[in-house]
Each structure stands twice: as structure tokens, then as C-alpha cells.
Amino acid sequence: MNTKGFTEIETSIETPNDVSQTEKPLKSKPITPNRVDINVLKSKLQETESKELKKNVVLLTSLVLGLGILGIYLSL
């Protein structure tokens, strides 16, 4: 069984021979952020607002209906 210590570890770092040549990046096209259409954002906002409005209307009508039924029940 051979045990190697820290003294036997060789650290040899070789430098490349073609240091003068610069490597091209993998992506030559610069990264530009995608543009967002304001009309698309407005339509998404209107869809979410209409869903919330429908939910609120349903909740409010059920609350009013429940209070009306409770009032009729307690008056009898």
C-alpha cells in the first residue's frame, strides 16, 4: 500500500504556445434585451383585472343574497 504525501504531488502548469492569438467568443452576436409590446402588456393587465372584477361581483352578490335570505328567515 503506497501512501503519497504532499511532497510527492507535482504541480506543473503548462502555458499554451499560442498566447498571441486571441480566441473568439462562442457567441459573436451581442446580447440585446427583447423588446416588449405595450399593447400585449395592456391586454394581459385587462384580462387579470376582468377576472378579479368577476370574482368580486360574484362574491358581492352571494353576500347580498345570503344576507337577504338570512333577513327573510329571521323575520319569519
Protein backbone atom coordinates (compact mmCIF):
# COMPACT_ATOMS: atom_id res chain seq x y z
CA MET A 1 0.00 0.00 0.00
CA ASN A 2 1.56 3.26 -1.13
CA THR A 3 0.77 6.43 0.67
CA LYS A 4 1.61 9.65 -1.03
CA GLY A 5 2.27 12.76 0.95
CA PHE A 6 2.13 16.37 -0.03
CA THR A 7 5.78 16.33 -1.06
CA GLU A 8 5.18 13.91 -3.92
CA ILE A 9 2.40 15.93 -5.56
CA GLU A 10 3.74 17.54 -8.70
CA THR A 11 2.28 20.83 -9.80
CA SER A 12 3.23 21.57 -13.34
CA ILE A 13 1.30 24.28 -15.10
CA GLU A 14 1.89 24.45 -18.81
CA THR A 15 1.26 27.66 -20.65
CA PRO A 16 -0.20 27.46 -24.15
CA ASN A 17 2.12 28.16 -27.04
CA ASP A 18 -0.32 30.34 -28.97
CA VAL A 19 -0.68 33.12 -26.42
CA SER A 20 -0.55 35.79 -29.11
CA GLN A 21 -3.76 34.55 -30.77
CA THR A 22 -6.94 35.74 -29.15
CA GLU A 23 -9.86 33.35 -29.06
CA LYS A 24 -13.18 34.44 -30.45
CA PRO A 25 -16.16 34.19 -28.10
CA LEU A 26 -18.68 31.46 -28.80
CA LYS A 27 -21.46 33.95 -29.41
CA SER A 28 -20.37 36.69 -31.76
CA LYS A 29 -23.75 38.44 -31.65
CA PRO A 30 -24.08 40.84 -28.69
CA ILE A 31 -26.91 40.09 -26.30
CA THR A 32 -29.74 42.59 -26.65
CA PRO A 33 -32.80 42.54 -24.42
CA ASN A 34 -36.05 41.57 -26.08
CA ARG A 35 -38.49 44.40 -26.58
CA VAL A 36 -41.93 44.17 -25.05
CA ASP A 37 -45.03 45.40 -26.84
CA ILE A 38 -47.06 47.73 -24.65
CA ASN A 39 -50.33 46.51 -26.19
CA VAL A 40 -49.58 42.94 -25.09
CA LEU A 41 -48.94 44.14 -21.54
CA LYS A 42 -52.16 46.17 -21.55
CA SER A 43 -54.21 43.20 -22.75
CA LYS A 44 -52.75 40.93 -20.07
CA LEU A 45 -53.49 43.55 -17.42
CA GLN A 46 -57.06 43.95 -18.66
CA GLU A 47 -57.58 40.16 -18.58
CA THR A 48 -56.41 39.89 -14.98
CA GLU A 49 -58.47 42.90 -13.94
CA SER A 50 -61.59 41.48 -15.59
CA LYS A 51 -61.08 38.15 -13.81
CA GLU A 52 -60.73 39.95 -10.47
CA LEU A 53 -63.81 42.07 -11.20
CA LYS A 54 -65.89 38.98 -12.00
CA LYS A 55 -64.69 37.32 -8.81
CA ASN A 56 -65.56 40.40 -6.75
CA VAL A 57 -69.01 40.70 -8.35
CA VAL A 58 -69.78 37.05 -7.61
CA LEU A 59 -68.61 37.45 -4.03
CA LEU A 60 -70.65 40.61 -3.50
CA THR A 61 -73.85 39.17 -5.00
CA SER A 62 -73.55 36.00 -2.94
CA LEU A 63 -73.04 38.10 0.20
CA VAL A 64 -76.09 40.27 -0.55
CA LEU A 65 -78.17 37.21 -1.41
CA GLY A 66 -77.05 35.47 1.78
CA LEU A 67 -77.94 38.49 3.90
CA GLY A 68 -81.34 38.74 2.18
CA ILE A 69 -82.10 35.06 2.84
CA LEU A 70 -80.94 35.40 6.45
CA GLY A 71 -83.12 38.51 6.91
CA ILE A 72 -86.18 36.74 5.50
CA TYR A 73 -85.53 33.67 7.66
CA LEU A 74 -85.14 35.71 10.86
CA SER A 75 -88.24 37.83 10.13
CA LEU A 76 -90.48 34.77 9.96
